[in-house]
Amino acid sequence: IKIHLTGELANQYDIYYRVHIQDF
């Protein structure tokens, strides 16, 4: 997955995300 913010949110925040995947 890829995720990003737009507009004013993108000017003020970074979006971080992590995933749990099979085997890892």
PDBML (XML) file of the C-alpha atoms, coordinates in Angstrom:
<?xml version="1.0" encoding="UTF-8" ?>
<PDBx:datablock datablockName="MODEL"
   xmlns:PDBx="http://pdbml.pdb.org/schema/pdbx-v50.xsd"
   xmlns:xsi="http://www.w3.org/2001/XMLSchema-instance"
   xsi:schemaLocation="http://pdbml.pdb.org/schema/pdbx-v50.xsd pdbx-v50.xsd">
   <PDBx:atom_siteCategory>
      <PDBx:atom_site id="1">
         <PDBx:B_iso_or_equiv>0.00</PDBx:B_iso_or_equiv>
         <PDBx:Cartn_x>0.000</PDBx:Cartn_x>
         <PDBx:Cartn_y>0.000</PDBx:Cartn_y>
         <PDBx:Cartn_z>0.000</PDBx:Cartn_z>
         <PDBx:auth_asym_id>A</PDBx:auth_asym_id>
         <PDBx:auth_atom_id>CA</PDBx:auth_atom_id>
         <PDBx:auth_comp_id>ILE</PDBx:auth_comp_id>
         <PDBx:auth_seq_id>1</PDBx:auth_seq_id>
         <PDBx:group_PDB>ATOM</PDBx:group_PDB>
         <PDBx:label_alt_id xsi:nil="true" />
         <PDBx:label_asym_id>A</PDBx:label_asym_id>
         <PDBx:label_atom_id>CA</PDBx:label_atom_id>
         <PDBx:label_comp_id>ILE</PDBx:label_comp_id>
         <PDBx:label_entity_id>1</PDBx:label_entity_id>
         <PDBx:label_seq_id>1</PDBx:label_seq_id>
         <PDBx:occupancy>1.00</PDBx:occupancy>
         <PDBx:pdbx_PDB_model_num>1</PDBx:pdbx_PDB_model_num>
         <PDBx:type_symbol>C</PDBx:type_symbol>
      </PDBx:atom_site>
      <PDBx:atom_site id="2">
         <PDBx:B_iso_or_equiv>0.00</PDBx:B_iso_or_equiv>
         <PDBx:Cartn_x>0.995</PDBx:Cartn_x>
         <PDBx:Cartn_y>3.651</PDBx:Cartn_y>
         <PDBx:Cartn_z>-0.569</PDBx:Cartn_z>
         <PDBx:auth_asym_id>A</PDBx:auth_asym_id>
         <PDBx:auth_atom_id>CA</PDBx:auth_atom_id>
         <PDBx:auth_comp_id>LYS</PDBx:auth_comp_id>
         <PDBx:auth_seq_id>2</PDBx:auth_seq_id>
         <PDBx:group_PDB>ATOM</PDBx:group_PDB>
         <PDBx:label_alt_id xsi:nil="true" />
         <PDBx:label_asym_id>A</PDBx:label_asym_id>
         <PDBx:label_atom_id>CA</PDBx:label_atom_id>
         <PDBx:label_comp_id>LYS</PDBx:label_comp_id>
         <PDBx:label_entity_id>1</PDBx:label_entity_id>
         <PDBx:label_seq_id>2</PDBx:label_seq_id>
         <PDBx:occupancy>1.00</PDBx:occupancy>
         <PDBx:pdbx_PDB_model_num>1</PDBx:pdbx_PDB_model_num>
         <PDBx:type_symbol>C</PDBx:type_symbol>
      </PDBx:atom_site>
      <PDBx:atom_site id="3">
         <PDBx:B_iso_or_equiv>0.00</PDBx:B_iso_or_equiv>
         <PDBx:Cartn_x>-0.629</PDBx:Cartn_x>
         <PDBx:Cartn_y>6.522</PDBx:Cartn_y>
         <PDBx:Cartn_z>1.346</PDBx:Cartn_z>
         <PDBx:auth_asym_id>A</PDBx:auth_asym_id>
         <PDBx:auth_atom_id>CA</PDBx:auth_atom_id>
         <PDBx:auth_comp_id>ILE</PDBx:auth_comp_id>
         <PDBx:auth_seq_id>3</PDBx:auth_seq_id>
         <PDBx:group_PDB>ATOM</PDBx:group_PDB>
         <PDBx:label_alt_id xsi:nil="true" />
         <PDBx:label_asym_id>A</PDBx:label_asym_id>
         <PDBx:label_atom_id>CA</PDBx:label_atom_id>
         <PDBx:label_comp_id>ILE</PDBx:label_comp_id>
         <PDBx:label_entity_id>1</PDBx:label_entity_id>
         <PDBx:label_seq_id>3</PDBx:label_seq_id>
         <PDBx:occupancy>1.00</PDBx:occupancy>
         <PDBx:pdbx_PDB_model_num>1</PDBx:pdbx_PDB_model_num>
         <PDBx:type_symbol>C</PDBx:type_symbol>
      </PDBx:atom_site>
      <PDBx:atom_site id="4">
         <PDBx:B_iso_or_equiv>0.00</PDBx:B_iso_or_equiv>
         <PDBx:Cartn_x>-0.159</PDBx:Cartn_x>
         <PDBx:Cartn_y>10.284</PDBx:Cartn_y>
         <PDBx:Cartn_z>1.113</PDBx:Cartn_z>
         <PDBx:auth_asym_id>A</PDBx:auth_asym_id>
         <PDBx:auth_atom_id>CA</PDBx:auth_atom_id>
         <PDBx:auth_comp_id>HIS</PDBx:auth_comp_id>
         <PDBx:auth_seq_id>4</PDBx:auth_seq_id>
         <PDBx:group_PDB>ATOM</PDBx:group_PDB>
         <PDBx:label_alt_id xsi:nil="true" />
         <PDBx:label_asym_id>A</PDBx:label_asym_id>
         <PDBx:label_atom_id>CA</PDBx:label_atom_id>
         <PDBx:label_comp_id>HIS</PDBx:label_comp_id>
         <PDBx:label_entity_id>1</PDBx:label_entity_id>
         <PDBx:label_seq_id>4</PDBx:label_seq_id>
         <PDBx:occupancy>1.00</PDBx:occupancy>
         <PDBx:pdbx_PDB_model_num>1</PDBx:pdbx_PDB_model_num>
         <PDBx:type_symbol>C</PDBx:type_symbol>
      </PDBx:atom_site>
      <PDBx:atom_site id="5">
         <PDBx:B_iso_or_equiv>0.00</PDBx:B_iso_or_equiv>
         <PDBx:Cartn_x>-1.879</PDBx:Cartn_x>
         <PDBx:Cartn_y>13.451</PDBx:Cartn_y>
         <PDBx:Cartn_z>2.306</PDBx:Cartn_z>
         <PDBx:auth_asym_id>A</PDBx:auth_asym_id>
         <PDBx:auth_atom_id>CA</PDBx:auth_atom_id>
         <PDBx:auth_comp_id>LEU</PDBx:auth_comp_id>
         <PDBx:auth_seq_id>5</PDBx:auth_seq_id>
         <PDBx:group_PDB>ATOM</PDBx:group_PDB>
         <PDBx:label_alt_id xsi:nil="true" />
         <PDBx:label_asym_id>A</PDBx:label_asym_id>
         <PDBx:label_atom_id>CA</PDBx:label_atom_id>
         <PDBx:label_comp_id>LEU</PDBx:label_comp_id>
         <PDBx:label_entity_id>1</PDBx:label_entity_id>
         <PDBx:label_seq_id>5</PDBx:label_seq_id>
         <PDBx:occupancy>1.00</PDBx:occupancy>
         <PDBx:pdbx_PDB_model_num>1</PDBx:pdbx_PDB_model_num>
         <PDBx:type_symbol>C</PDBx:type_symbol>
      </PDBx:atom_site>
      <PDBx:atom_site id="6">
         <PDBx:B_iso_or_equiv>0.00</PDBx:B_iso_or_equiv>
         <PDBx:Cartn_x>-3.136</PDBx:Cartn_x>
         <PDBx:Cartn_y>16.332</PDBx:Cartn_y>
         <PDBx:Cartn_z>0.186</PDBx:Cartn_z>
         <PDBx:auth_asym_id>A</PDBx:auth_asym_id>
         <PDBx:auth_atom_id>CA</PDBx:auth_atom_id>
         <PDBx:auth_comp_id>THR</PDBx:auth_comp_id>
         <PDBx:auth_seq_id>6</PDBx:auth_seq_id>
         <PDBx:group_PDB>ATOM</PDBx:group_PDB>
         <PDBx:label_alt_id xsi:nil="true" />
         <PDBx:label_asym_id>A</PDBx:label_asym_id>
         <PDBx:label_atom_id>CA</PDBx:label_atom_id>
         <PDBx:label_comp_id>THR</PDBx:label_comp_id>
         <PDBx:label_entity_id>1</PDBx:label_entity_id>
         <PDBx:label_seq_id>6</PDBx:label_seq_id>
         <PDBx:occupancy>1.00</PDBx:occupancy>
         <PDBx:pdbx_PDB_model_num>1</PDBx:pdbx_PDB_model_num>
         <PDBx:type_symbol>C</PDBx:type_symbol>
      </PDBx:atom_site>
      <PDBx:atom_site id="7">
         <PDBx:B_iso_or_equiv>0.00</PDBx:B_iso_or_equiv>
         <PDBx:Cartn_x>-3.931</PDBx:Cartn_x>
         <PDBx:Cartn_y>20.006</PDBx:Cartn_y>
         <PDBx:Cartn_z>0.624</PDBx:Cartn_z>
         <PDBx:auth_asym_id>A</PDBx:auth_asym_id>
         <PDBx:auth_atom_id>CA</PDBx:auth_atom_id>
         <PDBx:auth_comp_id>GLY</PDBx:auth_comp_id>
         <PDBx:auth_seq_id>7</PDBx:auth_seq_id>
         <PDBx:group_PDB>ATOM</PDBx:group_PDB>
         <PDBx:label_alt_id xsi:nil="true" />
         <PDBx:label_asym_id>A</PDBx:label_asym_id>
         <PDBx:label_atom_id>CA</PDBx:label_atom_id>
         <PDBx:label_comp_id>GLY</PDBx:label_comp_id>
         <PDBx:label_entity_id>1</PDBx:label_entity_id>
         <PDBx:label_seq_id>7</PDBx:label_seq_id>
         <PDBx:occupancy>1.00</PDBx:occupancy>
         <PDBx:pdbx_PDB_model_num>1</PDBx:pdbx_PDB_model_num>
         <PDBx:type_symbol>C</PDBx:type_symbol>
      </PDBx:atom_site>
      <PDBx:atom_site id="8">
         <PDBx:B_iso_or_equiv>0.00</PDBx:B_iso_or_equiv>
         <PDBx:Cartn_x>-3.326</PDBx:Cartn_x>
         <PDBx:Cartn_y>21.802</PDBx:Cartn_y>
         <PDBx:Cartn_z>3.922</PDBx:Cartn_z>
         <PDBx:auth_asym_id>A</PDBx:auth_asym_id>
         <PDBx:auth_atom_id>CA</PDBx:auth_atom_id>
         <PDBx:auth_comp_id>GLU</PDBx:auth_comp_id>
         <PDBx:auth_seq_id>8</PDBx:auth_seq_id>
         <PDBx:group_PDB>ATOM</PDBx:group_PDB>
         <PDBx:label_alt_id xsi:nil="true" />
         <PDBx:label_asym_id>A</PDBx:label_asym_id>
         <PDBx:label_atom_id>CA</PDBx:label_atom_id>
         <PDBx:label_comp_id>GLU</PDBx:label_comp_id>
         <PDBx:label_entity_id>1</PDBx:label_entity_id>
         <PDBx:label_seq_id>8</PDBx:label_seq_id>
         <PDBx:occupancy>1.00</PDBx:occupancy>
         <PDBx:pdbx_PDB_model_num>1</PDBx:pdbx_PDB_model_num>
         <PDBx:type_symbol>C</PDBx:type_symbol>
      </PDBx:atom_site>
      <PDBx:atom_site id="9">
         <PDBx:B_iso_or_equiv>0.00</PDBx:B_iso_or_equiv>
         <PDBx:Cartn_x>-2.889</PDBx:Cartn_x>
         <PDBx:Cartn_y>18.506</PDBx:Cartn_y>
         <PDBx:Cartn_z>5.795</PDBx:Cartn_z>
         <PDBx:auth_asym_id>A</PDBx:auth_asym_id>
         <PDBx:auth_atom_id>CA</PDBx:auth_atom_id>
         <PDBx:auth_comp_id>LEU</PDBx:auth_comp_id>
         <PDBx:auth_seq_id>9</PDBx:auth_seq_id>
         <PDBx:group_PDB>ATOM</PDBx:group_PDB>
         <PDBx:label_alt_id xsi:nil="true" />
         <PDBx:label_asym_id>A</PDBx:label_asym_id>
         <PDBx:label_atom_id>CA</PDBx:label_atom_id>
         <PDBx:label_comp_id>LEU</PDBx:label_comp_id>
         <PDBx:label_entity_id>1</PDBx:label_entity_id>
         <PDBx:label_seq_id>9</PDBx:label_seq_id>
         <PDBx:occupancy>1.00</PDBx:occupancy>
         <PDBx:pdbx_PDB_model_num>1</PDBx:pdbx_PDB_model_num>
         <PDBx:type_symbol>C</PDBx:type_symbol>
      </PDBx:atom_site>
      <PDBx:atom_site id="10">
         <PDBx:B_iso_or_equiv>0.00</PDBx:B_iso_or_equiv>
         <PDBx:Cartn_x>0.160</PDBx:Cartn_x>
         <PDBx:Cartn_y>17.718</PDBx:Cartn_y>
         <PDBx:Cartn_z>3.632</PDBx:Cartn_z>
         <PDBx:auth_asym_id>A</PDBx:auth_asym_id>
         <PDBx:auth_atom_id>CA</PDBx:auth_atom_id>
         <PDBx:auth_comp_id>ALA</PDBx:auth_comp_id>
         <PDBx:auth_seq_id>10</PDBx:auth_seq_id>
         <PDBx:group_PDB>ATOM</PDBx:group_PDB>
         <PDBx:label_alt_id xsi:nil="true" />
         <PDBx:label_asym_id>A</PDBx:label_asym_id>
         <PDBx:label_atom_id>CA</PDBx:label_atom_id>
         <PDBx:label_comp_id>ALA</PDBx:label_comp_id>
         <PDBx:label_entity_id>1</PDBx:label_entity_id>
         <PDBx:label_seq_id>10</PDBx:label_seq_id>
         <PDBx:occupancy>1.00</PDBx:occupancy>
         <PDBx:pdbx_PDB_model_num>1</PDBx:pdbx_PDB_model_num>
         <PDBx:type_symbol>C</PDBx:type_symbol>
      </PDBx:atom_site>
      <PDBx:atom_site id="11">
         <PDBx:B_iso_or_equiv>0.00</PDBx:B_iso_or_equiv>
         <PDBx:Cartn_x>1.647</PDBx:Cartn_x>
         <PDBx:Cartn_y>21.117</PDBx:Cartn_y>
         <PDBx:Cartn_z>4.534</PDBx:Cartn_z>
         <PDBx:auth_asym_id>A</PDBx:auth_asym_id>
         <PDBx:auth_atom_id>CA</PDBx:auth_atom_id>
         <PDBx:auth_comp_id>ASN</PDBx:auth_comp_id>
         <PDBx:auth_seq_id>11</PDBx:auth_seq_id>
         <PDBx:group_PDB>ATOM</PDBx:group_PDB>
         <PDBx:label_alt_id xsi:nil="true" />
         <PDBx:label_asym_id>A</PDBx:label_asym_id>
         <PDBx:label_atom_id>CA</PDBx:label_atom_id>
         <PDBx:label_comp_id>ASN</PDBx:label_comp_id>
         <PDBx:label_entity_id>1</PDBx:label_entity_id>
         <PDBx:label_seq_id>11</PDBx:label_seq_id>
         <PDBx:occupancy>1.00</PDBx:occupancy>
         <PDBx:pdbx_PDB_model_num>1</PDBx:pdbx_PDB_model_num>
         <PDBx:type_symbol>C</PDBx:type_symbol>
      </PDBx:atom_site>
      <PDBx:atom_site id="12">
         <PDBx:B_iso_or_equiv>0.00</PDBx:B_iso_or_equiv>
         <PDBx:Cartn_x>1.400</PDBx:Cartn_x>
         <PDBx:Cartn_y>20.473</PDBx:Cartn_y>
         <PDBx:Cartn_z>8.269</PDBx:Cartn_z>
         <PDBx:auth_asym_id>A</PDBx:auth_asym_id>
         <PDBx:auth_atom_id>CA</PDBx:auth_atom_id>
         <PDBx:auth_comp_id>GLN</PDBx:auth_comp_id>
         <PDBx:auth_seq_id>12</PDBx:auth_seq_id>
         <PDBx:group_PDB>ATOM</PDBx:group_PDB>
         <PDBx:label_alt_id xsi:nil="true" />
         <PDBx:label_asym_id>A</PDBx:label_asym_id>
         <PDBx:label_atom_id>CA</PDBx:label_atom_id>
         <PDBx:label_comp_id>GLN</PDBx:label_comp_id>
         <PDBx:label_entity_id>1</PDBx:label_entity_id>
         <PDBx:label_seq_id>12</PDBx:label_seq_id>
         <PDBx:occupancy>1.00</PDBx:occupancy>
         <PDBx:pdbx_PDB_model_num>1</PDBx:pdbx_PDB_model_num>
         <PDBx:type_symbol>C</PDBx:type_symbol>
      </PDBx:atom_site>
      <PDBx:atom_site id="13">
         <PDBx:B_iso_or_equiv>0.00</PDBx:B_iso_or_equiv>
         <PDBx:Cartn_x>1.696</PDBx:Cartn_x>
         <PDBx:Cartn_y>16.710</PDBx:Cartn_y>
         <PDBx:Cartn_z>8.727</PDBx:Cartn_z>
         <PDBx:auth_asym_id>A</PDBx:auth_asym_id>
         <PDBx:auth_atom_id>CA</PDBx:auth_atom_id>
         <PDBx:auth_comp_id>TYR</PDBx:auth_comp_id>
         <PDBx:auth_seq_id>13</PDBx:auth_seq_id>
         <PDBx:group_PDB>ATOM</PDBx:group_PDB>
         <PDBx:label_alt_id xsi:nil="true" />
         <PDBx:label_asym_id>A</PDBx:label_asym_id>
         <PDBx:label_atom_id>CA</PDBx:label_atom_id>
         <PDBx:label_comp_id>TYR</PDBx:label_comp_id>
         <PDBx:label_entity_id>1</PDBx:label_entity_id>
         <PDBx:label_seq_id>13</PDBx:label_seq_id>
         <PDBx:occupancy>1.00</PDBx:occupancy>
         <PDBx:pdbx_PDB_model_num>1</PDBx:pdbx_PDB_model_num>
         <PDBx:type_symbol>C</PDBx:type_symbol>
      </PDBx:atom_site>
      <PDBx:atom_site id="14">
         <PDBx:B_iso_or_equiv>0.00</PDBx:B_iso_or_equiv>
         <PDBx:Cartn_x>3.575</PDBx:Cartn_x>
         <PDBx:Cartn_y>13.640</PDBx:Cartn_y>
         <PDBx:Cartn_z>7.607</PDBx:Cartn_z>
         <PDBx:auth_asym_id>A</PDBx:auth_asym_id>
         <PDBx:auth_atom_id>CA</PDBx:auth_atom_id>
         <PDBx:auth_comp_id>ASP</PDBx:auth_comp_id>
         <PDBx:auth_seq_id>14</PDBx:auth_seq_id>
         <PDBx:group_PDB>ATOM</PDBx:group_PDB>
         <PDBx:label_alt_id xsi:nil="true" />
         <PDBx:label_asym_id>A</PDBx:label_asym_id>
         <PDBx:label_atom_id>CA</PDBx:label_atom_id>
         <PDBx:label_comp_id>ASP</PDBx:label_comp_id>
         <PDBx:label_entity_id>1</PDBx:label_entity_id>
         <PDBx:label_seq_id>14</PDBx:label_seq_id>
         <PDBx:occupancy>1.00</PDBx:occupancy>
         <PDBx:pdbx_PDB_model_num>1</PDBx:pdbx_PDB_model_num>
         <PDBx:type_symbol>C</PDBx:type_symbol>
      </PDBx:atom_site>
      <PDBx:atom_site id="15">
         <PDBx:B_iso_or_equiv>0.00</PDBx:B_iso_or_equiv>
         <PDBx:Cartn_x>1.582</PDBx:Cartn_x>
         <PDBx:Cartn_y>10.425</PDBx:Cartn_y>
         <PDBx:Cartn_z>7.382</PDBx:Cartn_z>
         <PDBx:auth_asym_id>A</PDBx:auth_asym_id>
         <PDBx:auth_atom_id>CA</PDBx:auth_atom_id>
         <PDBx:auth_comp_id>ILE</PDBx:auth_comp_id>
         <PDBx:auth_seq_id>15</PDBx:auth_seq_id>
         <PDBx:group_PDB>ATOM</PDBx:group_PDB>
         <PDBx:label_alt_id xsi:nil="true" />
         <PDBx:label_asym_id>A</PDBx:label_asym_id>
         <PDBx:label_atom_id>CA</PDBx:label_atom_id>
         <PDBx:label_comp_id>ILE</PDBx:label_comp_id>
         <PDBx:label_entity_id>1</PDBx:label_entity_id>
         <PDBx:label_seq_id>15</PDBx:label_seq_id>
         <PDBx:occupancy>1.00</PDBx:occupancy>
         <PDBx:pdbx_PDB_model_num>1</PDBx:pdbx_PDB_model_num>
         <PDBx:type_symbol>C</PDBx:type_symbol>
      </PDBx:atom_site>
      <PDBx:atom_site id="16">
         <PDBx:B_iso_or_equiv>0.00</PDBx:B_iso_or_equiv>
         <PDBx:Cartn_x>3.374</PDBx:Cartn_x>
         <PDBx:Cartn_y>7.337</PDBx:Cartn_y>
         <PDBx:Cartn_z>8.639</PDBx:Cartn_z>
         <PDBx:auth_asym_id>A</PDBx:auth_asym_id>
         <PDBx:auth_atom_id>CA</PDBx:auth_atom_id>
         <PDBx:auth_comp_id>TYR</PDBx:auth_comp_id>
         <PDBx:auth_seq_id>16</PDBx:auth_seq_id>
         <PDBx:group_PDB>ATOM</PDBx:group_PDB>
         <PDBx:label_alt_id xsi:nil="true" />
         <PDBx:label_asym_id>A</PDBx:label_asym_id>
         <PDBx:label_atom_id>CA</PDBx:label_atom_id>
         <PDBx:label_comp_id>TYR</PDBx:label_comp_id>
         <PDBx:label_entity_id>1</PDBx:label_entity_id>
         <PDBx:label_seq_id>16</PDBx:label_seq_id>
         <PDBx:occupancy>1.00</PDBx:occupancy>
         <PDBx:pdbx_PDB_model_num>1</PDBx:pdbx_PDB_model_num>
         <PDBx:type_symbol>C</PDBx:type_symbol>
      </PDBx:atom_site>
      <PDBx:atom_site id="17">
         <PDBx:B_iso_or_equiv>0.00</PDBx:B_iso_or_equiv>
         <PDBx:Cartn_x>2.074</PDBx:Cartn_x>
         <PDBx:Cartn_y>3.788</PDBx:Cartn_y>
         <PDBx:Cartn_z>8.248</PDBx:Cartn_z>
         <PDBx:auth_asym_id>A</PDBx:auth_asym_id>
         <PDBx:auth_atom_id>CA</PDBx:auth_atom_id>
         <PDBx:auth_comp_id>TYR</PDBx:auth_comp_id>
         <PDBx:auth_seq_id>17</PDBx:auth_seq_id>
         <PDBx:group_PDB>ATOM</PDBx:group_PDB>
         <PDBx:label_alt_id xsi:nil="true" />
         <PDBx:label_asym_id>A</PDBx:label_asym_id>
         <PDBx:label_atom_id>CA</PDBx:label_atom_id>
         <PDBx:label_comp_id>TYR</PDBx:label_comp_id>
         <PDBx:label_entity_id>1</PDBx:label_entity_id>
         <PDBx:label_seq_id>17</PDBx:label_seq_id>
         <PDBx:occupancy>1.00</PDBx:occupancy>
         <PDBx:pdbx_PDB_model_num>1</PDBx:pdbx_PDB_model_num>
         <PDBx:type_symbol>C</PDBx:type_symbol>
      </PDBx:atom_site>
      <PDBx:atom_site id="18">
         <PDBx:B_iso_or_equiv>0.00</PDBx:B_iso_or_equiv>
         <PDBx:Cartn_x>3.360</PDBx:Cartn_x>
         <PDBx:Cartn_y>0.278</PDBx:Cartn_y>
         <PDBx:Cartn_z>8.745</PDBx:Cartn_z>
         <PDBx:auth_asym_id>A</PDBx:auth_asym_id>
         <PDBx:auth_atom_id>CA</PDBx:auth_atom_id>
         <PDBx:auth_comp_id>ARG</PDBx:auth_comp_id>
         <PDBx:auth_seq_id>18</PDBx:auth_seq_id>
         <PDBx:group_PDB>ATOM</PDBx:group_PDB>
         <PDBx:label_alt_id xsi:nil="true" />
         <PDBx:label_asym_id>A</PDBx:label_asym_id>
         <PDBx:label_atom_id>CA</PDBx:label_atom_id>
         <PDBx:label_comp_id>ARG</PDBx:label_comp_id>
         <PDBx:label_entity_id>1</PDBx:label_entity_id>
         <PDBx:label_seq_id>18</PDBx:label_seq_id>
         <PDBx:occupancy>1.00</PDBx:occupancy>
         <PDBx:pdbx_PDB_model_num>1</PDBx:pdbx_PDB_model_num>
         <PDBx:type_symbol>C</PDBx:type_symbol>
      </PDBx:atom_site>
      <PDBx:atom_site id="19">
         <PDBx:B_iso_or_equiv>0.00</PDBx:B_iso_or_equiv>
         <PDBx:Cartn_x>2.022</PDBx:Cartn_x>
         <PDBx:Cartn_y>-3.140</PDBx:Cartn_y>
         <PDBx:Cartn_z>7.859</PDBx:Cartn_z>
         <PDBx:auth_asym_id>A</PDBx:auth_asym_id>
         <PDBx:auth_atom_id>CA</PDBx:auth_atom_id>
         <PDBx:auth_comp_id>VAL</PDBx:auth_comp_id>
         <PDBx:auth_seq_id>19</PDBx:auth_seq_id>
         <PDBx:group_PDB>ATOM</PDBx:group_PDB>
         <PDBx:label_alt_id xsi:nil="true" />
         <PDBx:label_asym_id>A</PDBx:label_asym_id>
         <PDBx:label_atom_id>CA</PDBx:label_atom_id>
         <PDBx:label_comp_id>VAL</PDBx:label_comp_id>
         <PDBx:label_entity_id>1</PDBx:label_entity_id>
         <PDBx:label_seq_id>19</PDBx:label_seq_id>
         <PDBx:occupancy>1.00</PDBx:occupancy>
         <PDBx:pdbx_PDB_model_num>1</PDBx:pdbx_PDB_model_num>
         <PDBx:type_symbol>C</PDBx:type_symbol>
      </PDBx:atom_site>
      <PDBx:atom_site id="20">
         <PDBx:B_iso_or_equiv>0.00</PDBx:B_iso_or_equiv>
         <PDBx:Cartn_x>2.029</PDBx:Cartn_x>
         <PDBx:Cartn_y>-6.676</PDBx:Cartn_y>
         <PDBx:Cartn_z>9.187</PDBx:Cartn_z>
         <PDBx:auth_asym_id>A</PDBx:auth_asym_id>
         <PDBx:auth_atom_id>CA</PDBx:auth_atom_id>
         <PDBx:auth_comp_id>HIS</PDBx:auth_comp_id>
         <PDBx:auth_seq_id>20</PDBx:auth_seq_id>
         <PDBx:group_PDB>ATOM</PDBx:group_PDB>
         <PDBx:label_alt_id xsi:nil="true" />
         <PDBx:label_asym_id>A</PDBx:label_asym_id>
         <PDBx:label_atom_id>CA</PDBx:label_atom_id>
         <PDBx:label_comp_id>HIS</PDBx:label_comp_id>
         <PDBx:label_entity_id>1</PDBx:label_entity_id>
         <PDBx:label_seq_id>20</PDBx:label_seq_id>
         <PDBx:occupancy>1.00</PDBx:occupancy>
         <PDBx:pdbx_PDB_model_num>1</PDBx:pdbx_PDB_model_num>
         <PDBx:type_symbol>C</PDBx:type_symbol>
      </PDBx:atom_site>
      <PDBx:atom_site id="21">
         <PDBx:B_iso_or_equiv>0.00</PDBx:B_iso_or_equiv>
         <PDBx:Cartn_x>2.655</PDBx:Cartn_x>
         <PDBx:Cartn_y>-9.167</PDBx:Cartn_y>
         <PDBx:Cartn_z>6.362</PDBx:Cartn_z>
         <PDBx:auth_asym_id>A</PDBx:auth_asym_id>
         <PDBx:auth_atom_id>CA</PDBx:auth_atom_id>
         <PDBx:auth_comp_id>ILE</PDBx:auth_comp_id>
         <PDBx:auth_seq_id>21</PDBx:auth_seq_id>
         <PDBx:group_PDB>ATOM</PDBx:group_PDB>
         <PDBx:label_alt_id xsi:nil="true" />
         <PDBx:label_asym_id>A</PDBx:label_asym_id>
         <PDBx:label_atom_id>CA</PDBx:label_atom_id>
         <PDBx:label_comp_id>ILE</PDBx:label_comp_id>
         <PDBx:label_entity_id>1</PDBx:label_entity_id>
         <PDBx:label_seq_id>21</PDBx:label_seq_id>
         <PDBx:occupancy>1.00</PDBx:occupancy>
         <PDBx:pdbx_PDB_model_num>1</PDBx:pdbx_PDB_model_num>
         <PDBx:type_symbol>C</PDBx:type_symbol>
      </PDBx:atom_site>
      <PDBx:atom_site id="22">
         <PDBx:B_iso_or_equiv>0.00</PDBx:B_iso_or_equiv>
         <PDBx:Cartn_x>2.719</PDBx:Cartn_x>
         <PDBx:Cartn_y>-12.929</PDBx:Cartn_y>
         <PDBx:Cartn_z>5.949</PDBx:Cartn_z>
         <PDBx:auth_asym_id>A</PDBx:auth_asym_id>
         <PDBx:auth_atom_id>CA</PDBx:auth_atom_id>
         <PDBx:auth_comp_id>GLN</PDBx:auth_comp_id>
         <PDBx:auth_seq_id>22</PDBx:auth_seq_id>
         <PDBx:group_PDB>ATOM</PDBx:group_PDB>
         <PDBx:label_alt_id xsi:nil="true" />
         <PDBx:label_asym_id>A</PDBx:label_asym_id>
         <PDBx:label_atom_id>CA</PDBx:label_atom_id>
         <PDBx:label_comp_id>GLN</PDBx:label_comp_id>
         <PDBx:label_entity_id>1</PDBx:label_entity_id>
         <PDBx:label_seq_id>22</PDBx:label_seq_id>
         <PDBx:occupancy>1.00</PDBx:occupancy>
         <PDBx:pdbx_PDB_model_num>1</PDBx:pdbx_PDB_model_num>
         <PDBx:type_symbol>C</PDBx:type_symbol>
      </PDBx:atom_site>
      <PDBx:atom_site id="23">
         <PDBx:B_iso_or_equiv>0.00</PDBx:B_iso_or_equiv>
         <PDBx:Cartn_x>5.942</PDBx:Cartn_x>
         <PDBx:Cartn_y>-14.629</PDBx:Cartn_y>
         <PDBx:Cartn_z>7.153</PDBx:Cartn_z>
         <PDBx:auth_asym_id>A</PDBx:auth_asym_id>
         <PDBx:auth_atom_id>CA</PDBx:auth_atom_id>
         <PDBx:auth_comp_id>ASP</PDBx:auth_comp_id>
         <PDBx:auth_seq_id>23</PDBx:auth_seq_id>
         <PDBx:group_PDB>ATOM</PDBx:group_PDB>
         <PDBx:label_alt_id xsi:nil="true" />
         <PDBx:label_asym_id>A</PDBx:label_asym_id>
         <PDBx:label_atom_id>CA</PDBx:label_atom_id>
         <PDBx:label_comp_id>ASP</PDBx:label_comp_id>
         <PDBx:label_entity_id>1</PDBx:label_entity_id>
         <PDBx:label_seq_id>23</PDBx:label_seq_id>
         <PDBx:occupancy>1.00</PDBx:occupancy>
         <PDBx:pdbx_PDB_model_num>1</PDBx:pdbx_PDB_model_num>
         <PDBx:type_symbol>C</PDBx:type_symbol>
      </PDBx:atom_site>
      <PDBx:atom_site id="24">
         <PDBx:B_iso_or_equiv>0.00</PDBx:B_iso_or_equiv>
         <PDBx:Cartn_x>7.597</PDBx:Cartn_x>
         <PDBx:Cartn_y>-11.342</PDBx:Cartn_y>
         <PDBx:Cartn_z>8.235</PDBx:Cartn_z>
         <PDBx:auth_asym_id>A</PDBx:auth_asym_id>
         <PDBx:auth_atom_id>CA</PDBx:auth_atom_id>
         <PDBx:auth_comp_id>PHE</PDBx:auth_comp_id>
         <PDBx:auth_seq_id>24</PDBx:auth_seq_id>
         <PDBx:group_PDB>ATOM</PDBx:group_PDB>
         <PDBx:label_alt_id xsi:nil="true" />
         <PDBx:label_asym_id>A</PDBx:label_asym_id>
         <PDBx:label_atom_id>CA</PDBx:label_atom_id>
         <PDBx:label_comp_id>PHE</PDBx:label_comp_id>
         <PDBx:label_entity_id>1</PDBx:label_entity_id>
         <PDBx:label_seq_id>24</PDBx:label_seq_id>
         <PDBx:occupancy>1.00</PDBx:occupancy>
         <PDBx:pdbx_PDB_model_num>1</PDBx:pdbx_PDB_model_num>
         <PDBx:type_symbol>C</PDBx:type_symbol>
      </PDBx:atom_site>
   </PDBx:atom_siteCategory>
</PDBx:datablock>
